[in-house]
Amino acid sequence: MADDDRALLPLQAHLDGLRTAVGTLTVAASRSWLGAPVPTCPGWTLLDLVAHVGMAQAWAEAALRGDHEAMGDVELVAQEGRASADPLRWLAERAERLGATLHSAGDDVDALVFLKQAPPPRQFWARRQCHEAVVHALDAVAARHRRLPTAADAWFGPDLAVDGIDELLVGFWQRGRSGPRSDPAARVLVRPTDADLAWLLEVGPQRTVTRRLRPGDRTALDAPGAAGGPGAPDAEVTGSAVDLYLALWNRGGEVDAPEGLLARWRDQTPISWA
């Protein structure tokens, strides 16, 4: 059980996930070269990726400390990473600093959070930086193999994948500028085949509203939708939790979905700092 029910995993799981993802990223990068292009981030090299992840970690660390000046100077951190004699060691040190700050922060720390239905700040930043690192470690794997990642490339299991899907669909996509749009409105069920949690998305012309569905919860499914009748949703997106994680974060994955749906969502849902 999570420390707060707005995150699906406990704090330590996010800290462990962050550390493992940074390790995966650095290993994948060390087996390639830092000038290698990143297929999942067009226009980026592995060096750009490393610098970006270190910058995001510095921003999170500054947010936890309440250091607004440092938050405004994080582009200097990225420049530092690019100029480092050993960018991978530099990234590992940035991750260690963030981990130490997360460990030492109190559960009642007062800090910025920016997603919908976010857990308290310490848990929020552990979760956010865990998935920031996981997504970009997948990018490093893509650069190493020169292709989109697959579920077989993933080092994490359904629990972490479900948590990351939840952060995207509940946290990011319910922000006014981040979610997909549909006119006419439609209800879309996102359902992992190997997990108990699903999500019902009410995708309208102005915003997306996401509801978590747990086993036996048919209330949201039985309610009339804006674009369809009661009962079944207008569309479903299904697959293993890991495949859904990859697909929804635009990192590959094999899922069952209506033709063109995920492509439209990807065009409509650019994510900054993810």
Protein backbone atom coordinates (compact mmCIF):
# COMPACT_ATOMS: atom_id res chain seq x y z
CA MET A 1 0.00 0.00 0.00
CA ALA A 2 1.25 3.49 -0.79
CA ASP A 3 2.09 6.06 1.86
CA ASP A 4 -0.69 8.21 0.38
CA ASP A 5 -3.58 6.88 -1.69
CA ARG A 6 -2.92 9.46 -4.39
CA ALA A 7 0.19 7.44 -5.30
CA LEU A 8 -0.07 3.72 -5.84
CA LEU A 9 3.35 2.71 -4.48
CA PRO A 10 5.13 3.47 -1.20
CA LEU A 11 7.88 6.05 -1.05
CA GLN A 12 10.65 3.46 -0.90
CA ALA A 13 9.45 1.82 -4.10
CA HIS A 14 9.78 5.14 -5.91
CA LEU A 15 13.24 5.75 -4.42
CA ASP A 16 14.33 2.26 -5.49
CA GLY A 17 12.78 2.77 -8.93
CA LEU A 18 14.62 6.07 -9.36
CA ARG A 19 17.97 4.54 -8.43
CA THR A 20 17.49 1.52 -10.68
CA ALA A 21 16.37 3.61 -13.64
CA VAL A 22 19.39 5.94 -13.40
CA GLY A 23 21.62 2.88 -13.26
CA THR A 24 19.89 1.42 -16.32
CA LEU A 25 20.27 4.70 -18.19
CA THR A 26 23.98 5.01 -17.43
CA VAL A 27 24.69 1.37 -18.37
CA ALA A 28 22.81 1.70 -21.66
CA ALA A 29 24.62 4.95 -22.45
CA SER A 30 28.01 3.52 -21.54
CA ARG A 31 27.46 0.71 -24.06
CA SER A 32 26.71 3.19 -26.82
CA TRP A 33 28.27 6.61 -27.36
CA LEU A 34 27.05 9.97 -26.13
CA GLY A 35 26.62 11.31 -29.64
CA ALA A 36 24.16 8.54 -30.51
CA PRO A 37 20.71 9.75 -31.64
CA VAL A 38 17.73 8.92 -29.42
CA PRO A 39 14.91 7.45 -31.57
CA THR A 40 12.23 8.28 -28.98
CA CYS A 41 13.38 11.92 -28.61
CA PRO A 42 13.91 13.19 -32.18
CA GLY A 43 16.78 15.64 -32.41
CA TRP A 44 18.37 14.54 -29.12
CA THR A 45 21.62 12.71 -28.56
CA LEU A 46 22.41 10.59 -25.52
CA LEU A 47 24.40 13.53 -24.15
CA ASP A 48 21.29 15.74 -24.42
CA LEU A 49 19.32 13.03 -22.61
CA VAL A 50 21.84 12.77 -19.77
CA ALA A 51 21.95 16.55 -19.38
CA HIS A 52 18.16 16.77 -19.35
CA VAL A 53 17.73 14.11 -16.67
CA GLY A 54 20.34 15.75 -14.46
CA MET A 55 18.64 19.12 -14.97
CA ALA A 56 15.24 17.67 -14.00
CA GLN A 57 16.76 16.14 -10.88
CA ALA A 58 18.34 19.45 -9.92
CA TRP A 59 14.99 21.20 -10.38
CA ALA A 60 13.25 18.65 -8.16
CA GLU A 61 15.94 18.92 -5.52
CA ALA A 62 15.68 22.72 -5.51
CA ALA A 63 11.88 22.49 -5.28
CA LEU A 64 12.13 20.26 -2.22
CA ARG A 65 14.52 22.73 -0.61
CA GLY A 66 12.30 25.68 -1.52
CA ASP A 67 15.23 27.24 -3.41
CA HIS A 68 13.43 29.26 -6.07
CA GLU A 69 16.63 30.87 -7.35
CA ALA A 70 18.17 27.45 -8.06
CA MET A 71 14.94 26.34 -9.74
CA GLY A 72 15.33 29.22 -12.16
CA ASP A 73 18.95 28.36 -12.96
CA VAL A 74 18.60 24.72 -13.92
CA GLU A 75 19.57 25.31 -17.55
CA LEU A 76 23.04 26.02 -16.16
CA VAL A 77 22.96 22.54 -14.67
CA ALA A 78 22.26 21.06 -18.10
CA GLN A 79 25.17 23.02 -19.56
CA GLU A 80 27.36 21.70 -16.76
CA GLY A 81 26.35 18.15 -17.62
CA ARG A 82 27.10 18.59 -21.31
CA ALA A 83 30.53 20.08 -20.52
CA SER A 84 31.46 17.47 -17.91
CA ALA A 85 34.53 15.34 -18.54
CA ASP A 86 32.43 12.34 -17.44
CA PRO A 87 28.73 13.07 -18.02
CA LEU A 88 27.60 9.64 -16.78
CA ARG A 89 29.41 10.05 -13.48
CA TRP A 90 28.00 13.58 -13.27
CA LEU A 91 24.47 12.19 -13.69
CA ALA A 92 25.05 9.52 -11.04
CA GLU A 93 26.19 12.23 -8.62
CA ARG A 94 23.12 14.36 -9.39
CA ALA A 95 20.90 11.33 -8.71
CA GLU A 96 22.68 10.68 -5.42
CA ARG A 97 22.08 14.28 -4.36
CA LEU A 98 18.40 14.05 -5.20
CA GLY A 99 18.10 10.73 -3.37
CA ALA A 100 19.74 12.20 -0.29
CA THR A 101 17.38 15.18 -0.36
CA LEU A 102 14.34 12.91 -0.68
CA HIS A 103 15.56 10.72 2.19
CA SER A 104 16.16 13.72 4.48
CA ALA A 105 12.97 15.63 3.62
CA GLY A 106 10.21 15.36 6.18
CA ASP A 107 6.82 13.92 5.32
CA ASP A 108 5.41 17.39 5.99
CA VAL A 109 7.85 19.26 3.75
CA ASP A 110 6.19 22.26 2.09
CA ALA A 111 7.16 22.25 -1.58
CA LEU A 112 5.74 22.80 -5.06
CA VAL A 113 3.63 20.10 -6.70
CA PHE A 114 2.12 20.60 -10.16
CA LEU A 115 -0.04 17.61 -11.09
CA LYS A 116 -3.71 16.88 -10.45
CA GLN A 117 -4.62 14.74 -7.43
CA ALA A 118 -0.96 14.81 -6.42
CA PRO A 119 0.34 13.11 -3.28
CA PRO A 120 2.14 15.21 -0.64
CA PRO A 121 5.35 16.90 -1.85
CA ARG A 122 7.93 14.35 -0.69
CA GLN A 123 6.01 11.45 -2.21
CA PHE A 124 5.11 13.54 -5.25
CA TRP A 125 8.74 14.27 -6.10
CA ALA A 126 9.90 10.71 -5.45
CA ARG A 127 7.19 9.46 -7.79
CA ARG A 128 7.72 12.15 -10.43
CA GLN A 129 11.47 11.67 -10.56
CA CYS A 130 11.14 7.89 -10.53
CA HIS A 131 9.06 7.96 -13.71
CA GLU A 132 11.13 10.77 -15.21
CA ALA A 133 14.14 8.49 -14.88
CA VAL A 134 12.31 5.36 -16.04
CA VAL A 135 10.99 7.01 -19.21
CA HIS A 136 14.40 8.43 -20.09
CA ALA A 137 16.17 5.19 -19.27
CA LEU A 138 13.89 3.65 -21.89
CA ASP A 139 15.12 6.38 -24.23
CA ALA A 140 18.71 5.35 -23.53
CA VAL A 141 17.82 1.72 -24.26
CA ALA A 142 16.25 2.87 -27.52
CA ALA A 143 19.43 4.74 -28.43
CA ARG A 144 21.58 1.74 -27.64
CA HIS A 145 19.50 -0.65 -29.75
CA ARG A 146 18.51 1.93 -32.40
CA ARG A 147 14.81 1.05 -32.18
CA LEU A 148 11.75 1.58 -30.05
CA PRO A 149 11.80 -0.25 -26.71
CA THR A 150 9.67 -3.34 -26.16
CA ALA A 151 8.25 -4.89 -23.00
CA ALA A 152 11.14 -7.37 -23.13
CA ASP A 153 13.55 -4.43 -22.64
CA ALA A 154 11.78 -3.30 -19.47
CA TRP A 155 13.48 -4.04 -16.16
CA PHE A 156 10.36 -3.13 -14.15
CA GLY A 157 7.12 -4.99 -13.56
CA PRO A 158 3.38 -4.34 -13.55
CA ASP A 159 3.26 -2.52 -10.19
CA LEU A 160 5.60 0.27 -11.23
CA ALA A 161 4.05 0.37 -14.70
CA VAL A 162 0.53 0.82 -13.28
CA ASP A 163 1.79 3.59 -11.01
CA GLY A 164 3.34 5.40 -13.97
CA ILE A 165 0.23 5.02 -16.11
CA ASP A 166 -1.77 6.46 -13.23
CA GLU A 167 0.54 9.45 -12.91
CA LEU A 168 0.14 10.17 -16.60
CA LEU A 169 -3.63 9.69 -16.90
CA VAL A 170 -4.64 11.16 -13.54
CA GLY A 171 -1.86 13.68 -12.92
CA PHE A 172 -0.82 14.99 -16.32
CA TRP A 173 -3.81 14.43 -18.58
CA GLN A 174 -6.31 16.13 -16.27
CA ARG A 175 -4.35 19.37 -16.44
CA GLY A 176 -6.05 21.74 -18.83
CA ARG A 177 -3.14 21.93 -21.25
CA SER A 178 -2.00 18.31 -21.19
CA GLY A 179 -4.82 15.86 -21.90
CA PRO A 180 -6.20 14.58 -25.19
CA ARG A 181 -9.27 16.19 -26.75
CA SER A 182 -12.27 14.80 -28.64
CA ASP A 183 -15.23 16.47 -30.30
CA PRO A 184 -17.66 14.83 -30.01
CA ALA A 185 -16.76 13.68 -26.51
CA ALA A 186 -15.96 10.02 -25.95
CA ARG A 187 -15.34 7.64 -23.07
CA VAL A 188 -12.22 5.48 -23.34
CA LEU A 189 -11.34 2.64 -20.98
CA VAL A 190 -7.62 2.02 -20.43
CA ARG A 191 -7.26 -1.47 -18.98
CA PRO A 192 -4.13 -3.49 -18.18
CA THR A 193 -4.66 -7.20 -18.66
CA ASP A 194 -2.40 -8.10 -15.72
CA ALA A 195 -3.46 -5.61 -13.05
CA ASP A 196 -6.56 -4.80 -10.99
CA LEU A 197 -6.70 -1.08 -11.74
CA ALA A 198 -8.20 0.51 -14.87
CA TRP A 199 -8.99 4.08 -15.89
CA LEU A 200 -12.05 5.57 -17.55
CA LEU A 201 -11.23 8.70 -19.54
CA GLU A 202 -14.00 11.16 -20.34
CA VAL A 203 -12.33 12.87 -23.30
CA GLY A 204 -14.12 16.06 -24.30
CA PRO A 205 -13.40 19.05 -26.55
CA GLN A 206 -12.00 21.13 -23.67
CA ARG A 207 -10.53 18.72 -21.15
CA THR A 208 -10.08 15.11 -20.05
CA VAL A 209 -11.46 13.74 -16.79
CA THR A 210 -9.94 10.50 -15.51
CA ARG A 211 -11.53 8.08 -13.06
CA ARG A 212 -9.77 5.13 -11.47
CA LEU A 213 -11.72 1.89 -11.65
CA ARG A 214 -10.98 -0.88 -9.17
CA PRO A 215 -12.23 -4.48 -9.31
CA GLY A 216 -16.02 -4.66 -9.19
CA ASP A 217 -16.45 -0.92 -9.69
CA ARG A 218 -18.93 -0.57 -12.55
CA THR A 219 -20.55 2.70 -11.45
CA ALA A 220 -18.55 4.83 -13.85
CA LEU A 221 -18.98 2.36 -16.70
CA ASP A 222 -22.74 2.14 -16.21
CA ALA A 223 -23.24 5.90 -16.12
CA PRO A 224 -24.33 7.48 -19.41
CA GLY A 225 -21.43 8.98 -21.34
CA ALA A 226 -21.54 12.27 -23.18
CA ALA A 227 -21.01 10.50 -26.50
CA GLY A 228 -22.47 7.07 -25.86
CA GLY A 229 -25.14 5.23 -23.98
CA PRO A 230 -24.86 3.50 -20.63
CA GLY A 231 -22.80 0.36 -20.30
CA ALA A 232 -19.74 -0.10 -22.46
CA PRO A 233 -17.27 2.73 -23.11
CA ASP A 234 -16.87 4.06 -26.63
CA ALA A 235 -13.40 2.52 -26.97
CA GLU A 236 -10.88 0.44 -25.05
CA VAL A 237 -7.09 0.44 -24.92
CA THR A 238 -5.74 -2.81 -23.48
CA GLY A 239 -2.43 -4.61 -23.05
CA SER A 240 -0.02 -5.67 -20.36
CA ALA A 241 0.76 -2.94 -17.82
CA VAL A 242 4.31 -2.60 -19.14
CA ASP A 243 3.14 -2.41 -22.76
CA LEU A 244 0.56 0.23 -21.82
CA TYR A 245 3.22 2.19 -19.94
CA LEU A 246 5.44 2.20 -23.03
CA ALA A 247 2.60 3.04 -25.39
CA LEU A 248 1.00 5.81 -23.33
CA TRP A 249 4.36 7.46 -22.62
CA ASN A 250 5.11 7.18 -26.36
CA ARG A 251 7.99 4.72 -25.91
CA GLY A 252 6.83 1.76 -28.01
CA GLY A 253 4.74 -1.05 -26.58
CA GLU A 254 2.24 -3.45 -28.14
CA VAL A 255 -1.39 -2.73 -27.21
CA ASP A 256 -4.87 -3.26 -28.57
CA ALA A 257 -6.46 0.09 -29.43
CA PRO A 258 -8.71 1.60 -32.07
CA GLU A 259 -6.73 2.46 -35.18
CA GLY A 260 -5.24 5.94 -34.99
CA LEU A 261 -6.30 6.62 -31.39
CA LEU A 262 -2.86 6.52 -29.78
CA ALA A 263 -1.34 8.52 -32.63
CA ARG A 264 -3.93 11.27 -32.08
CA TRP A 265 -3.31 11.25 -28.34
CA ARG A 266 0.44 11.54 -28.84
CA ASP A 267 -0.05 14.57 -31.07
CA GLN A 268 -2.35 16.17 -28.50
CA THR A 269 -0.45 15.41 -25.28
CA PRO A 270 3.09 16.79 -25.32
CA ILE A 271 4.63 16.45 -21.84
CA SER A 272 7.27 18.86 -20.55
CA TRP A 273 9.72 17.70 -17.89
CA ALA A 274 8.85 14.02 -18.40
